[in-house]
Amino acid sequence: MNLMVVRRDLRKGLIGESIIDTGFDAGIYANLNLVEFLEGSRPVREALLQAAGHSVTCEVFAVECHIIDQHAKPLLSLGTVEAYCPVEPGDLSEDVIVGRAILNQLRLELDGKLTKLL
């Protein structure tokens, strides 16, 4: 899923691909690029996530998020989404992960060759 995360305070956006994880209950789990993009902004809270065999401490940021097409044109505003940014570098994901808090807002149609966002 192609996403754009917006920082109104900087008048900038971060565009990139994400992967979907139906086992992740929250909105977005950050990679290094997203953590660096959010650096300097204020987290809304801290949260503790349970990963395989250990706990992951995260700063949680409220971010404006959009699903975009391959030309970076916004297709659907997701509104404000919580982005979980691990405090420890070893807990960062290679990819931005989209969880069920976002997926539950969407109706997806999958047929193996074509995915439609409705």
C-alpha atoms as a PDB file:
ATOM      1  CA  MET A   1       0.000   0.000   0.000  1.00  0.00           C
ATOM      2  CA  ASN A   2       1.434   3.377  -0.985  1.00  0.00           C
ATOM      3  CA  LEU A   3       1.166   5.981   1.785  1.00  0.00           C
ATOM      4  CA  MET A   4       1.841   9.648   2.323  1.00  0.00           C
ATOM      5  CA  VAL A   5       2.428  10.886   5.867  1.00  0.00           C
ATOM      6  CA  VAL A   6       2.111  14.660   6.246  1.00  0.00           C
ATOM      7  CA  ARG A   7       3.761  17.011   8.736  1.00  0.00           C
ATOM      8  CA  ARG A   8       1.810  20.253   8.561  1.00  0.00           C
ATOM      9  CA  ASP A   9       4.315  21.995  10.859  1.00  0.00           C
ATOM     10  CA  LEU A  10       7.065  21.476   8.251  1.00  0.00           C
ATOM     11  CA  ARG A  11       4.735  21.638   5.239  1.00  0.00           C
ATOM     12  CA  LYS A  12       6.273  18.347   4.053  1.00  0.00           C
ATOM     13  CA  GLY A  13       5.160  14.836   3.340  1.00  0.00           C
ATOM     14  CA  LEU A  14       6.865  11.463   3.308  1.00  0.00           C
ATOM     15  CA  ILE A  15       5.850   9.088   0.531  1.00  0.00           C
ATOM     16  CA  GLY A  16       6.585   5.393   0.476  1.00  0.00           C
ATOM     17  CA  GLU A  17       5.400   1.836   0.246  1.00  0.00           C
ATOM     18  CA  SER A  18       4.122  -0.101   3.220  1.00  0.00           C
ATOM     19  CA  ILE A  19       3.274  -3.694   3.913  1.00  0.00           C
ATOM     20  CA  ILE A  20       0.074  -4.957   5.494  1.00  0.00           C
ATOM     21  CA  ASP A  21       0.152  -7.011   8.681  1.00  0.00           C
ATOM     22  CA  THR A  22      -3.259  -8.228   9.838  1.00  0.00           C
ATOM     23  CA  GLY A  23      -1.659  -9.339  13.108  1.00  0.00           C
ATOM     24  CA  PHE A  24      -0.759  -5.749  14.041  1.00  0.00           C
ATOM     25  CA  ASP A  25      -3.725  -4.122  15.794  1.00  0.00           C
ATOM     26  CA  ALA A  26      -2.588  -0.491  15.587  1.00  0.00           C
ATOM     27  CA  GLY A  27      -2.218   1.950  12.681  1.00  0.00           C
ATOM     28  CA  ILE A  28       1.396   2.259  11.505  1.00  0.00           C
ATOM     29  CA  TYR A  29       4.633   0.686  12.756  1.00  0.00           C
ATOM     30  CA  ALA A  30       7.542   2.873  11.667  1.00  0.00           C
ATOM     31  CA  ASN A  31      10.741   2.170   9.806  1.00  0.00           C
ATOM     32  CA  LEU A  32      13.878   4.327  10.056  1.00  0.00           C
ATOM     33  CA  ASN A  33      12.736   6.770   7.340  1.00  0.00           C
ATOM     34  CA  LEU A  34       9.470   7.487   9.147  1.00  0.00           C
ATOM     35  CA  VAL A  35      11.199   7.834  12.529  1.00  0.00           C
ATOM     36  CA  GLU A  36      13.626  10.366  11.028  1.00  0.00           C
ATOM     37  CA  PHE A  37      10.736  12.213   9.346  1.00  0.00           C
ATOM     38  CA  LEU A  38       8.915  12.537  12.686  1.00  0.00           C
ATOM     39  CA  GLU A  39      12.034  13.608  14.584  1.00  0.00           C
ATOM     40  CA  GLY A  40      11.430  16.908  16.337  1.00  0.00           C
ATOM     41  CA  SER A  41       7.675  16.467  16.587  1.00  0.00           C
ATOM     42  CA  ARG A  42       6.002  15.700  19.895  1.00  0.00           C
ATOM     43  CA  PRO A  43       4.660  12.199  20.625  1.00  0.00           C
ATOM     44  CA  VAL A  44       1.138  11.977  22.044  1.00  0.00           C
ATOM     45  CA  ARG A  45       2.073   9.103  24.361  1.00  0.00           C
ATOM     46  CA  GLU A  46       4.290   6.078  24.884  1.00  0.00           C
ATOM     47  CA  ALA A  47       3.107   2.509  24.381  1.00  0.00           C
ATOM     48  CA  LEU A  48       4.447  -0.956  25.026  1.00  0.00           C
ATOM     49  CA  LEU A  49       3.923  -3.515  22.245  1.00  0.00           C
ATOM     50  CA  GLN A  50       4.463  -7.246  22.601  1.00  0.00           C
ATOM     51  CA  ALA A  51       6.675  -8.772  19.913  1.00  0.00           C
ATOM     52  CA  ALA A  52       7.978 -12.305  19.564  1.00  0.00           C
ATOM     53  CA  GLY A  53       9.640 -12.911  22.906  1.00  0.00           C
ATOM     54  CA  HIS A  54      10.058  -9.326  24.103  1.00  0.00           C
ATOM     55  CA  SER A  55       8.403  -5.955  24.677  1.00  0.00           C
ATOM     56  CA  VAL A  56       8.897  -2.995  22.352  1.00  0.00           C
ATOM     57  CA  THR A  57       8.708   0.513  23.800  1.00  0.00           C
ATOM     58  CA  CYS A  58       7.332   2.997  21.273  1.00  0.00           C
ATOM     59  CA  GLU A  59       6.657   6.684  21.070  1.00  0.00           C
ATOM     60  CA  VAL A  60       3.247   7.187  19.461  1.00  0.00           C
ATOM     61  CA  PHE A  61       2.701  10.095  17.074  1.00  0.00           C
ATOM     62  CA  ALA A  62      -0.592  11.328  15.648  1.00  0.00           C
ATOM     63  CA  VAL A  63       0.054  11.789  11.920  1.00  0.00           C
ATOM     64  CA  GLU A  64      -2.026  12.809   8.947  1.00  0.00           C
ATOM     65  CA  CYS A  65      -2.026   9.926   6.474  1.00  0.00           C
ATOM     66  CA  HIS A  66      -3.269   9.319   2.915  1.00  0.00           C
ATOM     67  CA  ILE A  67      -3.328   6.353   0.578  1.00  0.00           C
ATOM     68  CA  ILE A  68      -1.775   7.455  -2.715  1.00  0.00           C
ATOM     69  CA  ASP A  69      -1.510   6.068  -6.230  1.00  0.00           C
ATOM     70  CA  GLN A  70       1.704   5.265  -8.124  1.00  0.00           C
ATOM     71  CA  HIS A  71       1.962   8.941  -9.161  1.00  0.00           C
ATOM     72  CA  ALA A  72       1.786  10.195  -5.529  1.00  0.00           C
ATOM     73  CA  LYS A  73      -1.759  11.483  -6.039  1.00  0.00           C
ATOM     74  CA  PRO A  74      -3.881  11.113  -2.875  1.00  0.00           C
ATOM     75  CA  LEU A  75      -6.663   8.550  -3.350  1.00  0.00           C
ATOM     76  CA  LEU A  76      -8.086   8.343   0.164  1.00  0.00           C
ATOM     77  CA  SER A  77      -7.504  10.365   3.306  1.00  0.00           C
ATOM     78  CA  LEU A  78      -7.135   8.169   6.384  1.00  0.00           C
ATOM     79  CA  GLY A  79      -7.303  11.197   8.652  1.00  0.00           C
ATOM     80  CA  THR A  80      -5.183  11.120  11.787  1.00  0.00           C
ATOM     81  CA  VAL A  81      -3.432   7.794  12.337  1.00  0.00           C
ATOM     82  CA  GLU A  82      -1.240   6.651  15.212  1.00  0.00           C
ATOM     83  CA  ALA A  83       2.349   5.912  14.156  1.00  0.00           C
ATOM     84  CA  TYR A  84       4.306   3.681  16.560  1.00  0.00           C
ATOM     85  CA  CYS A  85       8.018   4.508  16.547  1.00  0.00           C
ATOM     86  CA  PRO A  86      10.256   2.079  18.463  1.00  0.00           C
ATOM     87  CA  VAL A  87      12.657   3.737  20.901  1.00  0.00           C
ATOM     88  CA  GLU A  88      15.356   1.093  20.396  1.00  0.00           C
ATOM     89  CA  PRO A  89      16.920   1.030  16.885  1.00  0.00           C
ATOM     90  CA  GLY A  90      17.004  -2.776  16.902  1.00  0.00           C
ATOM     91  CA  ASP A  91      13.200  -2.855  17.042  1.00  0.00           C
ATOM     92  CA  LEU A  92      12.719  -0.850  13.843  1.00  0.00           C
ATOM     93  CA  SER A  93      11.158  -2.595  10.875  1.00  0.00           C
ATOM     94  CA  GLU A  94      12.709  -2.479   7.410  1.00  0.00           C
ATOM     95  CA  ASP A  95       9.284  -1.530   6.060  1.00  0.00           C
ATOM     96  CA  VAL A  96       6.471   0.671   7.259  1.00  0.00           C
ATOM     97  CA  ILE A  97       3.789  -1.724   8.507  1.00  0.00           C
ATOM     98  CA  VAL A  98       0.077  -0.978   8.213  1.00  0.00           C
ATOM     99  CA  GLY A  99      -2.133  -2.630  10.798  1.00  0.00           C
ATOM    100  CA  ARG A 100      -5.808  -3.291  11.369  1.00  0.00           C
ATOM    101  CA  ALA A 101      -6.625   0.190  12.702  1.00  0.00           C
ATOM    102  CA  ILE A 102      -6.194   1.343   9.091  1.00  0.00           C
ATOM    103  CA  LEU A 103      -7.403  -1.816   7.377  1.00  0.00           C
ATOM    104  CA  ASN A 104     -10.680  -1.702   9.298  1.00  0.00           C
ATOM    105  CA  GLN A 105     -11.427   1.626   7.586  1.00  0.00           C
ATOM    106  CA  LEU A 106     -11.140   0.069   4.120  1.00  0.00           C
ATOM    107  CA  ARG A 107     -13.013  -2.344   1.950  1.00  0.00           C
ATOM    108  CA  LEU A 108     -10.530  -4.375  -0.091  1.00  0.00           C
ATOM    109  CA  GLU A 109     -11.321  -6.751  -2.912  1.00  0.00           C
ATOM    110  CA  LEU A 110      -8.603  -9.291  -3.697  1.00  0.00           C
ATOM    111  CA  ASP A 111      -8.657 -11.753  -6.584  1.00  0.00           C
ATOM    112  CA  GLY A 112      -5.021 -12.837  -6.749  1.00  0.00           C
ATOM    113  CA  LYS A 113      -4.101 -10.701  -9.764  1.00  0.00           C
ATOM    114  CA  LEU A 114      -5.842  -7.441  -9.000  1.00  0.00           C
ATOM    115  CA  THR A 115      -6.411  -5.541  -5.786  1.00  0.00           C
ATOM    116  CA  LYS A 116      -9.145  -2.931  -5.683  1.00  0.00           C
ATOM    117  CA  LEU A 117      -9.506  -0.290  -3.011  1.00  0.00           C
ATOM    118  CA  LEU A 118     -13.200   0.514  -2.752  1.00  0.00           C
END
